[in-house]
Amino acid sequence: MSNTTSTEAKRKRAHQKAGQRRKKIQSKHSTLSNTELFAGFGEPGKPAPKK
């Protein structure tokens, strides 16, 4: 394999991996936890807060 071919392959792979890393970091906090999701419902066993 020529130097150019290997460099191009390496560069392409690096760009793909960079995108994957970015998406992975973004997805870390995309889903709310149960606490955050149900925070507006108030405490368990108590009536829901009025808006």
N, C-alpha and C. Protein backbone atom coordinates (compact mmCIF):
# COMPACT_ATOMS: atom_id res chain seq x y z
N MET A 1 0.85 -1.18 0.00
CA MET A 1 0.00 0.00 0.00
C MET A 1 0.90 1.24 0.00
N SER A 2 0.50 2.23 -0.80
CA SER A 2 1.31 3.45 -0.88
C SER A 2 1.11 4.31 0.36
N ASN A 3 2.03 5.21 0.53
CA ASN A 3 1.97 6.14 1.67
C ASN A 3 0.70 6.98 1.61
N THR A 4 0.36 7.45 0.41
CA THR A 4 -0.83 8.29 0.22
C THR A 4 -2.10 7.53 0.58
N THR A 5 -2.20 6.30 0.10
CA THR A 5 -3.39 5.48 0.36
C THR A 5 -3.58 5.25 1.86
N SER A 6 -2.49 4.91 2.53
CA SER A 6 -2.60 4.64 3.97
C SER A 6 -2.94 5.92 4.73
N THR A 7 -2.39 7.06 4.29
CA THR A 7 -2.69 8.34 4.95
C THR A 7 -4.16 8.71 4.77
N GLU A 8 -4.67 8.52 3.54
CA GLU A 8 -6.07 8.83 3.27
C GLU A 8 -7.00 7.94 4.10
N ALA A 9 -6.66 6.65 4.18
CA ALA A 9 -7.48 5.71 4.97
C ALA A 9 -7.47 6.11 6.44
N LYS A 10 -6.28 6.47 6.91
CA LYS A 10 -6.13 6.88 8.31
C LYS A 10 -6.96 8.13 8.61
N ARG A 11 -6.90 9.08 7.67
CA ARG A 11 -7.63 10.35 7.84
C ARG A 11 -9.14 10.09 7.84
N LYS A 12 -9.60 9.25 6.91
CA LYS A 12 -11.03 8.93 6.83
C LYS A 12 -11.50 8.27 8.13
N ARG A 13 -10.71 7.32 8.60
CA ARG A 13 -11.05 6.61 9.84
C ARG A 13 -11.07 7.58 11.03
N ALA A 14 -10.11 8.50 11.07
CA ALA A 14 -10.03 9.48 12.16
C ALA A 14 -11.26 10.37 12.17
N HIS A 15 -11.71 10.78 10.97
CA HIS A 15 -12.91 11.61 10.88
C HIS A 15 -14.14 10.86 11.34
N GLN A 16 -14.26 9.59 10.95
CA GLN A 16 -15.40 8.78 11.37
C GLN A 16 -15.40 8.60 12.88
N LYS A 17 -14.23 8.29 13.42
CA LYS A 17 -14.12 8.08 14.86
C LYS A 17 -14.43 9.37 15.63
N ALA A 18 -14.02 10.51 15.08
CA ALA A 18 -14.28 11.79 15.73
C ALA A 18 -15.78 12.02 15.84
N GLY A 19 -16.49 11.69 14.76
CA GLY A 19 -17.95 11.82 14.76
C GLY A 19 -18.58 10.89 15.78
N GLN A 20 -18.10 9.66 15.83
CA GLN A 20 -18.63 8.69 16.79
C GLN A 20 -18.42 9.17 18.22
N ARG A 21 -17.21 9.68 18.49
CA ARG A 21 -16.91 10.18 19.84
C ARG A 21 -17.82 11.34 20.22
N ARG A 22 -18.03 12.25 19.25
CA ARG A 22 -18.89 13.41 19.49
C ARG A 22 -20.31 12.96 19.81
N LYS A 23 -20.84 12.03 19.02
CA LYS A 23 -22.20 11.54 19.23
C LYS A 23 -22.32 10.80 20.57
N LYS A 24 -21.28 10.09 20.93
CA LYS A 24 -21.28 9.35 22.20
C LYS A 24 -21.37 10.30 23.38
N ILE A 25 -20.60 11.39 23.31
CA ILE A 25 -20.63 12.40 24.37
C ILE A 25 -22.00 13.07 24.43
N GLN A 26 -22.57 13.39 23.26
CA GLN A 26 -23.90 14.01 23.20
C GLN A 26 -24.96 13.11 23.80
N SER A 27 -24.86 11.81 23.53
CA SER A 27 -25.90 10.88 23.95
C SER A 27 -25.84 10.55 25.45
N LYS A 28 -24.73 10.92 26.09
CA LYS A 28 -24.57 10.60 27.52
C LYS A 28 -25.75 11.10 28.34
N HIS A 29 -26.21 12.33 28.05
CA HIS A 29 -27.26 12.91 28.89
C HIS A 29 -28.52 13.23 28.11
N SER A 30 -28.74 12.47 27.02
CA SER A 30 -29.92 12.76 26.21
C SER A 30 -31.19 12.22 26.86
N THR A 31 -31.06 11.16 27.66
CA THR A 31 -32.22 10.56 28.30
C THR A 31 -32.29 11.04 29.76
N LEU A 32 -33.44 11.52 30.17
CA LEU A 32 -33.60 11.99 31.55
C LEU A 32 -33.65 10.80 32.50
N SER A 33 -33.15 11.00 33.71
CA SER A 33 -33.24 9.96 34.72
C SER A 33 -34.68 9.94 35.26
N ASN A 34 -35.04 8.88 35.96
CA ASN A 34 -36.39 8.78 36.53
C ASN A 34 -36.68 9.95 37.45
N THR A 35 -35.70 10.35 38.24
CA THR A 35 -35.88 11.48 39.16
C THR A 35 -36.23 12.76 38.39
N GLU A 36 -35.47 13.02 37.31
CA GLU A 36 -35.72 14.22 36.52
C GLU A 36 -37.04 14.12 35.75
N LEU A 37 -37.33 12.92 35.26
CA LEU A 37 -38.51 12.71 34.44
C LEU A 37 -39.80 12.94 35.24
N PHE A 38 -39.82 12.45 36.49
CA PHE A 38 -41.03 12.51 37.30
C PHE A 38 -40.96 13.59 38.38
N ALA A 39 -40.03 14.55 38.25
CA ALA A 39 -39.86 15.60 39.25
C ALA A 39 -41.12 16.45 39.39
N GLY A 40 -41.84 16.69 38.31
CA GLY A 40 -43.03 17.54 38.33
C GLY A 40 -44.22 16.90 39.00
N PHE A 41 -44.14 15.62 39.31
CA PHE A 41 -45.28 14.91 39.92
C PHE A 41 -45.32 15.05 41.43
N GLY A 42 -44.28 15.63 42.01
CA GLY A 42 -44.24 15.79 43.46
C GLY A 42 -43.75 14.52 44.14
N GLU A 43 -43.84 14.49 45.45
CA GLU A 43 -43.35 13.34 46.21
C GLU A 43 -44.33 12.18 46.12
N PRO A 44 -43.83 10.93 46.20
CA PRO A 44 -44.72 9.76 46.16
C PRO A 44 -45.68 9.76 47.35
N GLY A 45 -46.94 9.42 47.11
CA GLY A 45 -47.93 9.36 48.17
C GLY A 45 -48.60 10.70 48.46
N LYS A 46 -48.08 11.76 47.89
CA LYS A 46 -48.66 13.10 48.10
C LYS A 46 -49.37 13.51 46.81
N PRO A 47 -50.37 14.38 46.92
CA PRO A 47 -51.03 14.85 45.68
C PRO A 47 -50.07 15.66 44.81
N ALA A 48 -50.29 15.61 43.51
CA ALA A 48 -49.44 16.33 42.57
C ALA A 48 -49.61 17.84 42.78
N PRO A 49 -48.53 18.60 42.63
CA PRO A 49 -48.63 20.04 42.82
C PRO A 49 -49.52 20.68 41.74
N LYS A 50 -50.28 21.68 42.15
CA LYS A 50 -51.15 22.40 41.21
C LYS A 50 -50.32 23.37 40.39
N LYS A 51 -50.63 23.54 39.13
CA LYS A 51 -49.85 24.44 38.28
C LYS A 51 -50.34 25.86 38.38
